Amino acid sequence: MKILLISPPTTSAIKAIVGTTGPPLGLAYLASMVREEHNVKIVDSLAEDLGYEDVKKIIKRYDPELIGLTATTSMVPDAYIVAKMAKRYNPDVKVVMGGPHVTFTPERTLKECPYIDYIIRGEGEISFKNLVDALDKGRDLKKIKGLSFRKGDKVINNPPQPLIKDVDSIPLPSYDLLPMEKYVVDSIKFGTVMTSRGCPFDCIFCSSSLQFGKRWRGHSDSRVLEELKILREEYGIREIEFLDDTYTLNRPRAIRIARRIKKEGLDISWTASSRVDLFNREVAAAMKAGGCHTVYFGIESGSQKTLDFIGKRITPEQSLRAVKIARETKLRALGAFIIGFPHETKEDIRKTIKFSKKVGVNYAQFTIATPYPGTRLWSIALKEKLLLTLNWRKFTTLDPVMKLKHFTTEQIKKMLGFAYISFYLRPKLLLKDILWEKGFIFKRAIPNAIKMLRSFGAAEEEKITTPCS
């Protein structure tokens, strides 16, 4: 079969700020599952600056029998447009879609877009391979676990596909099918690696543990090093972002990997995430020695009441301690903060903004609480009738999509802007930045934050059509 895997054209705040986005690793994993028996091509529309007409030309030129689409919630309408274009060109082409959004909305997705034939729910590699085999050999679709599809007017949801226990059994992602030369920031080529899957925690706003399961599964140390060496030696990549939900979940493993990077002389620098309660001096020292320069902490809030509501299971004191360890180990700390949960008061959000400055992180990322399908926050929003829109383009974490008890949508957007200004426009911070960080915040972070807040919402407003109508 000829298979075309597409990350569709879309508007991206990340690309608007840094000039590019990370590679669609999910598609690269799917390609590796079937490329030995089938012809596979990947299109990363964002990285390649492709519009809908460009993608249409690729579809016509490649003439696939199966098109696979991936999309985050805000990209779903763009995936619908591509599906519609594909079916108009060739009504017989089969279109399958995967990702966290459709995993939790198969019926809604198939209703919203009649041009999509199949939905793959959850961890997709085995289900996708089984679907390709079934279509190629005319086998019964009912036997494919993790698949949803139409049968007449009904949507059939097959039983879920069990999680892959041995993630080393998954082939390495097909980096050679991606436009690796396009993933560049400030003239530095970068790559992304996922060393583990699954998260045992239950944060109210996160669908990852539902998509990849609550059982943590990590690649072996050797497999991780093999992938890093491929990126370094074959693609000349020195900057790596580990995409694990929590790189330090298994602390002995995190330490071993960092030490092996150093021992084997792998000339890379990297970033990774950690929960604040899973970070200590030994982990920090090993990460720093192994080339890590920045650790990403999900601090979320300065209000214990909010932390308890979202099920974070941490305290502000733990965040203070973790950031202090990072800074003392010469690691930069990036703190993620969320405002705008349904019952948050102005005092709660003031605590978060104040705490973002007190905790000592080098950089802060602020977002608005967004109820993504499948999350507990989504269930609350449905139950309490809080949703303001089902225009998926608005589910960006920068646009309010929920009614709030103590804020209007305009007020919470202003609070988001105030959070960025309050954090970054501090004389002491800017002086340190100029003296020790070569003016990164002054020259890049502040202009980009302003650009994001001013332009992204306006860009989204331009595309509120129903693509499958």
Protein backbone atom coordinates (compact mmCIF):
# COMPACT_ATOMS: atom_id res chain seq x y z
CA MET A 1 0.00 0.00 0.00
CA LYS A 2 0.96 3.63 -0.45
CA ILE A 3 0.53 5.37 2.90
CA LEU A 4 0.70 9.13 3.46
CA LEU A 5 1.01 10.34 7.07
CA ILE A 6 0.19 14.02 7.53
CA SER A 7 0.55 16.61 10.26
CA PRO A 8 -1.81 19.21 8.75
CA PRO A 9 -1.28 22.92 8.12
CA THR A 10 -2.30 24.96 11.14
CA THR A 11 -1.68 28.12 13.13
CA SER A 12 0.92 27.55 15.84
CA ALA A 13 1.78 29.91 18.68
CA ILE A 14 5.01 27.98 19.25
CA LYS A 15 6.11 28.43 15.65
CA ALA A 16 5.14 32.10 15.74
CA ILE A 17 7.44 32.56 18.73
CA VAL A 18 10.46 30.34 18.05
CA GLY A 19 10.21 29.91 14.29
CA THR A 20 9.58 26.16 14.20
CA THR A 21 7.97 23.27 16.05
CA GLY A 22 9.17 19.86 17.06
CA PRO A 23 8.92 16.86 14.72
CA PRO A 24 5.71 14.77 14.78
CA LEU A 25 7.28 11.76 16.50
CA GLY A 26 3.95 9.93 16.59
CA LEU A 27 3.86 9.74 12.80
CA ALA A 28 7.51 8.66 12.70
CA TYR A 29 6.72 5.75 15.03
CA LEU A 30 3.73 4.71 12.90
CA ALA A 31 5.85 4.81 9.76
CA SER A 32 8.40 2.49 11.34
CA MET A 33 5.70 -0.07 12.12
CA VAL A 34 4.71 -0.57 8.47
CA ARG A 35 7.48 0.69 6.19
CA GLU A 36 9.08 -2.73 5.69
CA GLU A 37 5.99 -3.93 3.83
CA HIS A 38 4.51 -0.68 2.50
CA ASN A 39 5.53 2.61 0.91
CA VAL A 40 5.30 5.41 3.48
CA LYS A 41 5.70 9.17 3.23
CA ILE A 42 5.42 11.75 6.04
CA VAL A 43 4.33 15.36 5.57
CA ASP A 44 5.05 17.82 8.39
CA SER A 45 3.12 20.84 7.13
CA LEU A 46 4.22 23.20 9.91
CA ALA A 47 7.92 22.53 9.55
CA GLU A 48 7.76 22.67 5.77
CA ASP A 49 5.54 25.81 5.69
CA LEU A 50 2.89 24.03 3.65
CA GLY A 51 -0.62 25.36 3.13
CA TYR A 52 -3.72 23.38 2.21
CA GLU A 53 -3.07 23.75 -1.53
CA ASP A 54 0.46 22.43 -1.06
CA VAL A 55 -0.86 19.39 0.78
CA LYS A 56 -3.50 18.86 -1.90
CA LYS A 57 -0.77 18.74 -4.55
CA ILE A 58 1.21 16.22 -2.50
CA ILE A 59 -1.88 14.02 -2.15
CA LYS A 60 -2.49 14.12 -5.90
CA ARG A 61 1.15 13.46 -6.75
CA TYR A 62 1.65 10.63 -4.25
CA ASP A 63 -1.85 9.17 -4.77
CA PRO A 64 -2.03 7.23 -1.49
CA GLU A 65 -4.42 4.41 -0.67
CA LEU A 66 -4.39 5.33 3.04
CA ILE A 67 -3.95 8.71 4.69
CA GLY A 68 -3.11 8.95 8.38
CA LEU A 69 -3.73 12.22 10.22
CA THR A 70 -2.54 13.38 13.62
CA ALA A 71 -3.78 16.47 15.43
CA THR A 72 -3.94 18.07 18.83
CA THR A 73 -7.34 19.45 19.81
CA SER A 74 -6.73 22.91 18.33
CA MET A 75 -5.52 21.30 15.06
CA VAL A 76 -8.56 19.05 14.61
CA PRO A 77 -10.38 21.41 12.18
CA ASP A 78 -7.25 21.50 10.03
CA ALA A 79 -7.18 17.70 9.92
CA TYR A 80 -10.84 17.78 8.85
CA ILE A 81 -9.96 20.07 5.95
CA VAL A 82 -7.21 17.72 4.77
CA ALA A 83 -9.55 14.72 5.04
CA LYS A 84 -12.16 16.53 2.97
CA MET A 85 -9.59 17.48 0.30
CA ALA A 86 -8.37 13.91 0.11
CA LYS A 87 -11.83 12.44 -0.33
CA ARG A 88 -12.74 15.00 -2.98
CA TYR A 89 -9.64 14.01 -4.93
CA ASN A 90 -10.18 10.27 -4.45
CA PRO A 91 -13.41 9.08 -2.77
CA ASP A 92 -11.86 5.62 -2.36
CA VAL A 93 -8.87 6.73 -0.28
CA LYS A 94 -9.15 5.60 3.33
CA VAL A 95 -8.56 8.21 6.04
CA VAL A 96 -7.56 7.30 9.59
CA MET A 97 -6.97 9.71 12.46
CA GLY A 98 -5.25 9.30 15.82
CA GLY A 99 -4.06 11.32 18.78
CA PRO A 100 -5.30 12.31 22.23
CA HIS A 101 -8.30 14.32 21.02
CA VAL A 102 -9.92 11.63 18.89
CA THR A 103 -9.07 8.94 21.44
CA PHE A 104 -11.69 10.46 23.72
CA THR A 105 -14.14 11.76 21.09
CA PRO A 106 -14.49 9.01 18.46
CA GLU A 107 -18.26 9.39 18.04
CA ARG A 108 -18.12 13.18 17.96
CA THR A 109 -15.18 13.15 15.51
CA LEU A 110 -16.84 10.77 13.06
CA LYS A 111 -20.03 12.83 13.29
CA GLU A 112 -18.24 16.14 12.78
CA CYS A 113 -16.25 14.90 9.79
CA PRO A 114 -17.78 12.25 7.49
CA TYR A 115 -14.54 12.19 5.48
CA ILE A 116 -12.72 10.31 8.24
CA ASP A 117 -13.18 6.54 8.02
CA TYR A 118 -11.33 5.28 11.08
CA ILE A 119 -10.22 6.44 14.51
CA ILE A 120 -7.31 4.85 16.36
CA ARG A 121 -7.66 5.28 20.10
CA GLY A 122 -4.86 5.32 22.64
CA GLU A 123 -1.34 4.10 21.98
CA GLY A 124 -1.46 3.74 18.23
CA GLU A 125 1.40 1.61 16.87
CA ILE A 126 -0.12 -1.87 17.07
CA SER A 127 -3.64 -0.76 16.14
CA PHE A 128 -2.30 1.13 13.13
CA LYS A 129 -0.25 -1.82 11.90
CA ASN A 130 -3.23 -4.13 12.32
CA LEU A 131 -5.46 -1.70 10.41
CA VAL A 132 -2.98 -1.49 7.54
CA ASP A 133 -2.72 -5.27 7.40
CA ALA A 134 -6.51 -5.65 7.48
CA LEU A 135 -7.05 -3.14 4.66
CA ASP A 136 -4.25 -4.68 2.60
CA LYS A 137 -5.49 -8.25 3.02
CA GLY A 138 -9.24 -7.69 3.36
CA ARG A 139 -9.50 -8.81 6.97
CA ASP A 140 -12.34 -8.11 9.42
CA LEU A 141 -12.03 -4.68 11.07
CA LYS A 142 -13.97 -5.88 14.12
CA LYS A 143 -10.92 -7.79 15.30
CA ILE A 144 -8.69 -4.70 15.46
CA LYS A 145 -8.44 -3.53 19.05
CA GLY A 146 -8.35 0.22 19.62
CA LEU A 147 -10.22 0.95 16.37
CA SER A 148 -13.43 2.96 15.94
CA PHE A 149 -15.35 3.10 12.66
CA ARG A 150 -18.81 3.52 11.20
CA LYS A 151 -21.19 0.71 10.41
CA GLY A 152 -24.23 2.26 8.83
CA ASP A 153 -25.45 4.99 11.16
CA LYS A 154 -23.65 3.54 14.17
CA VAL A 155 -20.13 4.01 15.43
CA ILE A 156 -18.41 0.80 16.44
CA ASN A 157 -15.79 1.11 19.19
CA ASN A 158 -13.73 -2.06 19.30
CA PRO A 159 -12.23 -3.06 22.66
CA PRO A 160 -9.11 -1.07 23.62
CA GLN A 161 -5.66 -2.19 22.55
CA PRO A 162 -3.56 -3.23 25.58
CA LEU A 163 -0.55 -1.04 26.24
CA ILE A 164 2.79 -2.19 24.86
CA LYS A 165 4.63 -3.64 27.85
CA ASP A 166 8.09 -3.72 26.28
CA VAL A 167 8.48 -0.32 24.62
CA ASP A 168 11.89 -1.40 23.28
CA SER A 169 9.91 -3.64 20.91
CA ILE A 170 8.67 -0.51 19.11
CA PRO A 171 10.99 0.27 16.19
CA LEU A 172 13.00 3.48 16.31
CA PRO A 173 11.06 6.41 14.81
CA SER A 174 11.64 7.01 11.10
CA TYR A 175 13.64 10.22 11.40
CA ASP A 176 14.74 9.80 7.79
CA LEU A 177 11.16 10.42 6.62
CA LEU A 178 10.98 13.75 8.48
CA PRO A 179 12.39 17.09 7.25
CA MET A 180 15.10 17.05 9.92
CA GLU A 181 16.87 20.07 8.44
CA LYS A 182 13.80 22.19 9.23
CA TYR A 183 13.91 21.77 13.01
CA VAL A 184 16.21 24.69 13.77
CA VAL A 185 16.08 27.43 16.43
CA ASP A 186 18.61 30.28 16.37
CA SER A 187 20.69 28.33 13.83
CA ILE A 188 20.80 25.33 16.19
CA LYS A 189 19.41 22.01 14.95
CA PHE A 190 17.34 20.24 17.58
CA GLY A 191 15.62 16.91 18.00
CA THR A 192 13.09 15.32 20.31
CA VAL A 193 13.20 11.95 22.04
CA MET A 194 10.59 10.14 24.11
CA THR A 195 12.41 7.82 26.52
CA SER A 196 9.30 6.62 28.36
CA ARG A 197 5.52 6.44 28.22
CA GLY A 198 2.77 6.58 30.79
CA CYS A 199 2.20 8.59 33.95
CA PRO A 200 0.82 7.28 37.26
CA PHE A 201 -0.44 10.69 38.35
CA ASP A 202 -3.91 12.11 37.80
CA CYS A 203 -3.71 15.85 37.20
CA ILE A 204 -7.12 17.24 36.33
CA PHE A 205 -6.00 18.98 33.13
CA CYS A 206 -3.83 16.24 31.55
CA SER A 207 -4.92 13.53 29.13
CA SER A 208 -1.49 11.95 28.73
CA SER A 209 -1.97 9.35 31.44
CA LEU A 210 -5.23 8.35 29.77
CA GLN A 211 -3.68 8.23 26.28
CA PHE A 212 -0.56 6.27 27.25
CA GLY A 213 -1.76 4.71 30.48
CA LYS A 214 -1.01 5.15 34.16
CA ARG A 215 1.65 2.44 34.08
CA TRP A 216 5.05 3.98 33.43
CA ARG A 217 7.09 2.13 30.78
CA GLY A 218 10.64 3.18 29.99
CA HIS A 219 13.03 2.35 27.20
CA SER A 220 16.23 0.62 28.25
CA ASP A 221 19.27 2.83 28.78
CA SER A 222 20.92 1.34 25.68
CA ARG A 223 17.90 2.05 23.50
CA VAL A 224 17.87 5.69 24.64
CA LEU A 225 21.58 6.08 23.90
CA GLU A 226 21.14 4.43 20.50
CA GLU A 227 18.49 6.97 19.53
CA LEU A 228 20.54 9.89 20.81
CA LYS A 229 23.56 8.71 18.82
CA ILE A 230 21.50 8.50 15.64
CA LEU A 231 20.36 12.11 16.07
CA ARG A 232 23.88 13.30 16.87
CA GLU A 233 25.89 11.31 14.36
CA GLU A 234 23.51 11.01 11.41
CA TYR A 235 21.73 14.36 11.64
CA GLY A 236 24.28 16.58 13.39
CA ILE A 237 21.89 17.42 16.21
CA ARG A 238 23.38 18.71 19.45
CA GLU A 239 20.24 20.02 21.17
CA ILE A 240 17.70 17.47 22.46
CA GLU A 241 14.36 17.86 24.19
CA PHE A 242 13.21 14.82 26.14
CA LEU A 243 9.42 14.66 25.72
CA ASP A 244 8.67 12.32 28.63
CA ASP A 245 5.86 13.49 30.88
CA THR A 246 8.31 13.13 33.75
CA TYR A 247 11.87 12.22 32.84
CA THR A 248 12.80 11.77 36.51
CA LEU A 249 9.92 9.44 37.41
CA ASN A 250 12.42 6.59 37.70
CA ARG A 251 15.26 8.49 39.33
CA PRO A 252 17.93 5.75 39.21
CA ARG A 253 17.29 5.35 35.47
CA ALA A 254 17.37 9.12 34.89
CA ILE A 255 20.75 9.23 36.64
CA ARG A 256 22.10 6.26 34.67
CA ILE A 257 21.12 7.75 31.31
CA ALA A 258 22.67 11.11 32.17
CA ARG A 259 25.88 9.43 33.30
CA ARG A 260 26.06 7.31 30.14
CA ILE A 261 25.67 10.40 27.97
CA LYS A 262 28.73 11.82 29.72
CA LYS A 263 30.70 8.55 29.78
CA GLU A 264 30.22 7.90 26.08
CA GLY A 265 31.24 11.45 25.19
CA LEU A 266 27.97 12.24 23.45
CA ASP A 267 28.30 15.90 22.55
CA ILE A 268 24.74 17.05 23.22
CA SER A 269 22.91 19.50 25.44
CA TRP A 270 19.37 18.83 26.51
CA THR A 271 16.24 19.70 28.46
CA ALA A 272 13.90 17.43 30.41
CA SER A 273 10.93 17.62 32.76
CA SER A 274 10.57 16.69 36.40
CA ARG A 275 7.96 16.81 39.09
CA VAL A 276 9.20 18.94 41.95
CA ASP A 277 8.77 16.04 44.37
CA LEU A 278 10.90 13.74 42.21
CA PHE A 279 13.93 16.00 41.99
CA ASN A 280 16.93 15.87 44.30
CA ARG A 281 20.60 16.82 44.34
CA GLU A 282 21.85 13.52 42.97
CA VAL A 283 19.46 13.70 40.02
CA ALA A 284 20.29 17.35 39.39
CA ALA A 285 24.05 16.79 39.53
CA ALA A 286 23.88 13.84 37.13
CA MET A 287 21.68 15.73 34.68
CA LYS A 288 23.96 18.76 34.71
CA ALA A 289 27.10 16.64 34.24
CA GLY A 290 25.39 14.80 31.39
CA GLY A 291 24.71 17.97 29.43
CA CYS A 292 21.28 19.06 30.67
CA HIS A 293 20.91 22.84 30.81
CA THR A 294 17.21 23.35 31.66
CA VAL A 295 14.69 21.41 33.71
CA TYR A 296 10.96 21.95 33.22
CA PHE A 297 8.84 21.91 36.39
CA GLY A 298 5.05 21.71 36.41
CA ILE A 299 4.58 24.04 39.38
CA GLU A 300 1.08 25.05 38.21
CA SER A 301 -0.02 27.24 41.14
CA GLY A 302 1.04 29.11 44.24
CA SER A 303 -2.27 28.33 45.93
CA GLN A 304 -2.43 25.07 47.87
CA LYS A 305 -6.20 25.11 47.42
CA THR A 306 -5.77 25.12 43.64
CA LEU A 307 -3.03 22.47 43.77
CA ASP A 308 -5.38 20.21 45.74
CA PHE A 309 -8.23 20.85 43.31
CA ILE A 310 -6.16 19.87 40.28
CA GLY A 311 -4.80 16.75 41.99
CA LYS A 312 -1.17 17.78 41.63
CA ARG A 313 -0.16 16.22 44.95
CA ILE A 314 2.61 18.74 45.62
CA THR A 315 3.09 21.78 47.84
CA PRO A 316 4.60 25.21 47.13
CA GLU A 317 7.36 24.32 49.59
CA GLN A 318 8.37 21.35 47.41
CA SER A 319 8.55 23.65 44.39
CA LEU A 320 10.76 26.09 46.28
CA ARG A 321 13.10 23.27 47.27
CA ALA A 322 13.31 21.74 43.78
CA VAL A 323 14.02 25.05 42.06
CA LYS A 324 16.65 25.90 44.65
CA ILE A 325 18.42 22.59 43.97
CA ALA A 326 18.29 23.22 40.22
CA ARG A 327 19.72 26.72 40.53
CA GLU A 328 22.46 25.60 42.95
CA THR A 329 23.41 22.88 40.46
CA LYS A 330 23.65 25.52 37.70
CA LEU A 331 20.57 24.21 35.89
CA ARG A 332 18.10 26.69 34.50
CA ALA A 333 14.56 26.17 35.76
CA LEU A 334 11.45 26.73 33.67
CA GLY A 335 8.23 26.81 35.66
CA ALA A 336 4.81 26.09 34.15
CA PHE A 337 1.86 27.88 35.76
CA ILE A 338 -1.86 27.59 35.00
CA ILE A 339 -4.54 30.14 35.83
CA GLY A 340 -8.29 30.18 35.28
CA PHE A 341 -9.60 27.03 36.93
CA PRO A 342 -13.41 27.23 37.34
CA HIS A 343 -13.58 28.30 40.98
CA GLU A 344 -10.29 30.17 41.32
CA THR A 345 -10.56 33.56 42.97
CA LYS A 346 -8.52 36.65 42.22
CA GLU A 347 -6.56 35.95 45.40
CA ASP A 348 -5.71 32.43 44.15
CA ILE A 349 -4.35 33.78 40.86
CA ARG A 350 -2.49 36.60 42.61
CA LYS A 351 -0.80 33.92 44.74
CA THR A 352 0.27 32.08 41.60
CA ILE A 353 1.70 35.19 39.93
CA LYS A 354 3.46 36.22 43.15
CA PHE A 355 4.79 32.70 43.64
CA SER A 356 6.14 32.52 40.08
CA LYS A 357 8.54 35.31 41.08
CA LYS A 358 9.27 33.99 44.56
CA VAL A 359 10.04 30.40 43.55
CA GLY A 360 13.16 31.42 41.63
CA VAL A 361 12.62 29.95 38.16
CA ASN A 362 14.59 31.49 35.30
CA TYR A 363 11.65 31.36 32.93
CA ALA A 364 7.91 31.12 33.42
CA GLN A 365 5.20 29.81 31.14
CA PHE A 366 1.64 30.87 31.91
CA THR A 367 -1.44 29.29 30.35
CA ILE A 368 -5.19 29.31 30.85
CA ALA A 369 -6.82 26.15 32.21
CA THR A 370 -8.27 24.30 29.24
CA PRO A 371 -10.64 21.29 29.50
CA TYR A 372 -9.26 18.91 26.90
CA PRO A 373 -11.49 15.93 26.03
CA GLY A 374 -10.81 12.93 28.23
CA THR A 375 -9.53 14.92 31.20
CA ARG A 376 -11.25 15.26 34.55
CA LEU A 377 -11.51 18.98 33.85
CA TRP A 378 -13.48 18.16 30.70
CA SER A 379 -15.89 16.05 32.75
CA ILE A 380 -16.35 18.89 35.24
CA ALA A 381 -16.91 21.40 32.44
CA LEU A 382 -19.60 19.19 30.90
CA LYS A 383 -21.27 18.43 34.21
CA GLU A 384 -21.36 22.05 35.34
CA LYS A 385 -22.10 23.38 31.82
CA LEU A 386 -19.00 25.56 31.76
CA LEU A 387 -18.00 25.17 28.11
CA LEU A 388 -18.23 28.41 26.16
CA THR A 389 -17.44 26.85 22.79
CA LEU A 390 -16.72 23.64 20.93
CA ASN A 391 -14.71 25.50 18.34
CA TRP A 392 -11.66 23.30 18.73
CA ARG A 393 -9.37 26.01 17.36
CA LYS A 394 -9.89 27.87 20.63
CA PHE A 395 -8.45 25.03 22.73
CA THR A 396 -4.95 26.50 22.74
CA THR A 397 -4.43 27.21 26.48
CA LEU A 398 -4.24 30.89 25.47
CA ASP A 399 -7.96 31.41 24.80
CA PRO A 400 -10.61 31.07 27.55
CA VAL A 401 -13.09 28.30 26.70
CA MET A 402 -14.76 27.91 30.12
CA LYS A 403 -17.10 30.03 32.18
CA LEU A 404 -15.36 31.07 35.39
CA LYS A 405 -17.04 31.92 38.66
CA HIS A 406 -14.98 35.02 39.41
CA PHE A 407 -13.74 36.20 35.98
CA THR A 408 -15.11 37.15 32.59
CA THR A 409 -13.22 35.90 29.53
CA GLU A 410 -11.69 39.34 29.03
CA GLN A 411 -10.60 39.55 32.65
CA ILE A 412 -8.83 36.18 32.59
CA LYS A 413 -7.06 37.10 29.33
CA LYS A 414 -5.86 40.30 30.98
CA MET A 415 -4.66 38.30 33.97
CA LEU A 416 -2.66 36.10 31.59
CA GLY A 417 -1.03 39.17 30.07
CA PHE A 418 -0.39 40.64 33.51
CA ALA A 419 1.26 37.39 34.64
CA TYR A 420 3.81 37.57 31.81
CA ILE A 421 4.47 41.28 32.28
CA SER A 422 4.74 40.95 36.06
CA PHE A 423 7.22 38.08 35.78
CA TYR A 424 9.49 39.30 33.01
CA LEU A 425 9.50 43.08 33.46
CA ARG A 426 11.38 43.08 36.75
CA PRO A 427 14.52 45.24 36.92
CA LYS A 428 16.41 42.68 39.02
CA LEU A 429 15.58 39.85 36.62
CA LEU A 430 16.52 41.89 33.56
CA LEU A 431 19.82 42.95 35.10
CA LYS A 432 20.73 39.32 35.86
CA ASP A 433 19.65 38.37 32.36
CA ILE A 434 21.89 40.95 30.71
CA LEU A 435 24.87 40.11 32.92
CA TRP A 436 24.69 36.30 32.96
CA GLU A 437 22.27 35.10 30.29
CA LYS A 438 23.43 37.28 27.37
CA GLY A 439 20.13 39.13 27.36
CA PHE A 440 17.99 36.13 26.41
CA ILE A 441 14.93 37.38 28.28
CA PHE A 442 15.41 40.98 27.19
CA LYS A 443 16.01 40.18 23.53
CA ARG A 444 13.81 37.15 23.00
CA ALA A 445 11.46 36.07 25.79
CA ILE A 446 9.76 39.43 26.36
CA PRO A 447 9.19 40.33 22.67
CA ASN A 448 7.95 36.81 21.97
CA ALA A 449 5.56 36.81 24.94
CA ILE A 450 4.11 40.14 23.80
CA LYS A 451 3.87 38.90 20.22
CA MET A 452 2.09 35.75 21.36
CA LEU A 453 -0.45 37.57 23.50
CA ARG A 454 -1.21 40.20 20.88
CA SER A 455 -1.34 38.18 17.71
CA PHE A 456 -2.30 34.59 18.39
CA GLY A 457 -5.91 35.17 19.38
CA ALA A 458 -6.45 37.38 16.34
CA ALA A 459 -5.00 34.75 14.04
CA GLU A 460 -7.34 32.13 15.44
CA GLU A 461 -10.39 34.35 14.91
CA GLU A 462 -9.84 34.25 11.16
CA LYS A 463 -10.67 30.54 10.85
CA ILE A 464 -13.93 29.75 12.62
CA THR A 465 -15.54 27.93 9.70
CA THR A 466 -16.81 24.37 9.94
CA PRO A 467 -14.38 22.57 7.62
CA CYS A 468 -16.54 19.49 7.04
CA SER A 469 -19.79 21.36 6.31
